[in-house]
Protein backbone atom coordinates (compact mmCIF):
# COMPACT_ATOMS: atom_id res chain seq x y z
CA MET A 1 -106.85 107.77 22.76
CA ARG A 2 -107.10 104.27 24.10
CA LYS A 3 -104.41 101.71 23.43
CA PRO A 4 -105.33 98.33 21.96
CA ILE A 5 -105.13 95.29 24.16
CA ILE A 6 -102.82 92.77 22.59
CA ASP A 7 -103.34 89.13 23.44
CA ASP A 8 -99.82 87.69 23.84
CA THR A 9 -101.06 84.14 24.42
CA LYS A 10 -101.70 83.58 20.70
CA PRO A 11 -98.73 82.97 18.46
CA TYR A 12 -98.30 85.66 15.83
CA ASP A 13 -98.91 84.66 12.19
CA SER A 14 -97.77 86.75 9.28
CA TYR A 15 -100.43 88.90 7.64
CA GLU A 16 -100.50 86.78 4.48
CA THR A 17 -101.19 83.54 6.29
CA TYR A 18 -103.29 84.88 9.17
CA ASP A 19 -106.51 83.44 7.77
CA GLY A 20 -104.82 80.80 5.67
CA SER A 21 -105.68 82.48 2.36
CA LYS A 22 -103.69 84.43 -0.17
CA PRO A 23 -104.92 86.26 -3.24
CA ASN A 24 -105.78 83.70 -5.89
CA ARG A 25 -103.63 84.69 -8.85
CA LYS A 26 -105.31 82.22 -11.23
CA ASN A 27 -108.75 83.71 -10.57
CA ILE A 28 -107.42 87.24 -11.02
CA ARG A 29 -105.71 86.30 -14.29
CA ALA A 30 -108.91 84.58 -15.52
CA ASN A 31 -110.98 87.66 -14.63
CA VAL A 32 -108.57 89.96 -16.46
CA ILE A 33 -108.63 87.75 -19.55
CA LEU A 34 -112.43 87.49 -19.44
CA MET A 35 -112.82 91.28 -19.20
CA LEU A 36 -110.41 91.78 -22.12
CA VAL A 37 -112.37 89.28 -24.24
CA ILE A 38 -115.66 91.00 -23.37
CA MET A 39 -114.14 94.37 -24.27
CA LEU A 40 -112.96 92.95 -27.60
CA PHE A 41 -116.44 91.54 -28.29
CA CYS A 42 -118.08 94.87 -27.42
CA SER A 43 -115.63 96.74 -29.63
CA VAL A 44 -117.15 94.87 -32.60
CA PHE A 45 -120.46 96.60 -31.86
CA VAL A 46 -118.75 99.99 -31.66
CA ILE A 47 -116.90 99.35 -34.94
CA VAL A 48 -120.13 98.35 -36.73
CA ALA A 49 -121.83 101.52 -35.48
CA LEU A 50 -118.86 103.63 -36.55
CA VAL A 51 -118.73 102.08 -40.04
CA MET A 52 -122.47 102.63 -40.51
CA TYR A 53 -122.20 106.23 -39.32
CA LEU A 54 -119.23 106.99 -41.56
CA GLY A 55 -121.01 105.36 -44.52
CA ASP A 56 -124.01 107.63 -43.96
CA LYS A 57 -121.76 110.68 -43.70
CA LYS A 58 -119.95 109.71 -46.91
CA ARG A 59 -123.27 109.28 -48.76
CA GLU A 60 -124.46 112.60 -47.35
CA LYS A 61 -121.30 114.29 -48.63
CA ILE A 62 -121.39 112.87 -52.19
CA CYS A 63 -125.16 113.18 -52.69
CA THR A 64 -125.49 116.87 -53.48
CA GLU A 65 -128.42 117.08 -55.91
CA LYS A 66 -131.72 117.66 -54.10
CA LEU A 67 -134.85 116.01 -55.56
CA THR A 68 -138.38 115.15 -54.58
CA ALA A 69 -139.14 111.45 -54.88
CA VAL A 70 -142.32 109.45 -54.44
CA VAL A 71 -142.46 106.28 -52.39
CA CYS A 72 -143.79 103.79 -54.93
CA GLU A 73 -143.55 100.69 -52.73
CA ASN A 74 -142.70 99.44 -49.28
CA ARG A 75 -141.02 96.17 -50.15
CA PRO A 76 -141.49 93.55 -47.42
CA ARG A 77 -138.35 91.77 -46.22
CA LYS A 78 -138.89 88.64 -44.19
CA SER A 79 -136.16 87.67 -41.77
CA SER A 80 -134.74 84.21 -42.37
CA ASP A 81 -134.55 83.27 -38.69
CA SER A 82 -137.92 84.57 -37.51
CA ASP A 83 -141.35 85.59 -38.74
CA SER A 84 -140.69 89.32 -38.44
CA VAL A 85 -141.15 91.50 -41.49
CA THR A 86 -139.46 94.82 -42.23
CA TYR A 87 -140.29 97.21 -45.04
CA GLN A 88 -137.77 98.79 -47.40
CA PRO A 89 -139.00 101.99 -49.05
CA ILE A 90 -138.58 102.12 -52.84
CA PHE A 91 -138.25 105.64 -54.24
CA GLU A 92 -139.17 106.80 -57.73
CA TYR A 93 -137.72 110.05 -59.10
CA VAL A 94 -136.71 111.77 -62.31
CA TYR A 95 -133.23 113.19 -62.89
CA ASN A 96 -131.99 114.57 -66.26
CA ASP A 97 -135.12 113.26 -68.01
CA HIS A 98 -134.47 109.71 -66.80
CA LYS A 99 -136.74 107.86 -64.40
CA TYR A 100 -135.02 106.04 -61.53
CA ILE A 101 -136.40 103.54 -59.05
CA THR A 102 -134.07 102.96 -56.12
CA GLY A 103 -134.46 101.20 -52.80
CA SER A 104 -133.31 102.60 -49.51
CA LYS A 105 -130.29 101.13 -47.70
CA THR A 106 -132.41 100.44 -44.62
CA ALA A 107 -135.70 98.78 -43.78
CA SER A 108 -137.95 99.29 -40.78
CA SER A 109 -140.99 97.88 -39.08
CA PRO A 110 -143.48 99.47 -39.30
CA ALA A 111 -142.81 101.13 -42.62
CA GLU A 112 -141.16 104.52 -42.18
CA PHE A 113 -142.89 106.04 -45.25
CA SER A 114 -146.32 105.43 -46.74
CA VAL A 115 -146.84 104.59 -50.41
CA GLY A 116 -147.45 107.75 -52.44
CA GLU A 117 -145.70 109.99 -49.94
CA GLU A 118 -143.36 112.62 -51.36
CA VAL A 119 -139.91 112.58 -49.80
CA GLU A 120 -136.99 114.95 -50.25
CA LEU A 121 -133.78 113.12 -51.00
CA TYR A 122 -130.34 113.82 -52.36
CA ILE A 123 -128.64 111.92 -55.17
CA ASP A 124 -125.09 111.60 -56.39
CA PRO A 125 -124.92 113.48 -59.73
CA ASP A 126 -122.30 111.00 -60.98
CA ASP A 127 -124.40 107.95 -59.99
CA PRO A 128 -128.10 108.89 -59.68
CA THR A 129 -128.94 105.53 -58.07
CA THR A 130 -126.91 106.46 -54.97
CA ILE A 131 -129.27 108.28 -52.64
CA TYR A 132 -129.27 109.90 -49.23
CA VAL A 133 -132.60 110.43 -47.44
CA PRO A 134 -132.20 112.93 -44.56
CA SER A 135 -135.64 112.15 -43.10
CA GLU A 136 -134.82 108.46 -42.78
CA LYS A 137 -133.96 107.72 -39.14
CA THR A 138 -133.61 103.92 -39.11
CA SER A 139 -129.88 104.00 -39.78
CA PHE A 140 -129.35 106.59 -37.04
CA TRP A 141 -131.17 104.47 -34.45
CA ILE A 142 -129.27 101.33 -35.45
CA CYS A 143 -125.99 103.24 -35.01
CA CYS A 144 -127.14 104.46 -31.59
CA LEU A 145 -128.23 100.97 -30.54
CA PHE A 146 -125.00 99.24 -31.62
CA GLY A 147 -122.80 102.04 -30.28
CA GLY A 148 -124.69 102.14 -26.99
CA ILE A 149 -124.53 98.38 -26.44
CA GLY A 150 -120.85 98.22 -27.35
CA GLY A 151 -119.85 101.33 -25.45
CA THR A 152 -121.74 100.36 -22.30
CA GLY A 153 -120.29 96.84 -22.37
CA MET A 154 -116.79 98.20 -22.84
CA LEU A 155 -117.22 100.72 -20.01
CA ILE A 156 -118.54 98.12 -17.54
CA SER A 157 -115.76 95.69 -18.50
CA LEU A 158 -113.15 98.42 -18.11
CA ILE A 159 -114.41 99.33 -14.63
CA ILE A 160 -114.39 95.68 -13.53
CA LEU A 161 -110.93 95.23 -15.05
CA LEU A 162 -109.53 98.27 -13.24
CA VAL A 163 -111.04 97.22 -9.90
CA THR A 164 -109.67 93.69 -10.35
CA ILE A 165 -106.20 94.98 -11.14
CA LYS A 166 -106.27 97.47 -8.27
CA ASN A 167 -107.27 94.80 -5.73
CA ARG A 168 -105.06 92.01 -7.07
CA ASN A 169 -102.68 91.99 -4.06
CA LYS A 170 -105.28 92.20 -1.32
CA PRO A 171 -106.45 89.10 0.54
CA GLU A 172 -110.09 88.22 0.24
CA GLU A 173 -110.88 89.41 3.77
CA GLU A 174 -109.30 91.71 6.26
CA LEU A 175 -109.21 89.67 9.48
CA VAL A 176 -107.25 92.00 11.72
CA GLU A 177 -109.51 92.81 14.62
CA MET A 178 -108.43 95.03 17.48
CA GLN A 179 -110.39 95.60 20.63
CA TYR A 180 -110.30 98.97 22.34
CA TYR A 181 -111.26 99.46 25.95
């Protein structure tokens, strides 16, 4: 193994001041705070997805009476901030000799069901206007979208946060160069 040649003509500077720079604590603190704020923001997306999912599971659990309903209308819903239109299916069904007309909790574009289509759904026997439609997938995709956005944002922020914390004491560059002959 060759020994390094050390140039004794240069005065020795300490490692921290060799290149004149030290780790910038203010930038590191700002990065940590920014990543924590982003993680908090992304957690809102995850919470919304979780609440929607749990609401669907609760409705699925309490709606135990299976019926066949007919889609009597796809009610258009115009968004207030754009020109997009979504369609909310309106179901018509009979339970205990009473006719019920109930709208779905979700809307989609294009319409998920066509008018006149027969759809199997479940109702709550205590409140026949509360329905659960197993073939309706809009709510599932919204949960996936919100959960995916929030989870991905949180994961990326966490990785950046961990790397920032791990490298907080290192100078920006390693300037120690040794020549071997």
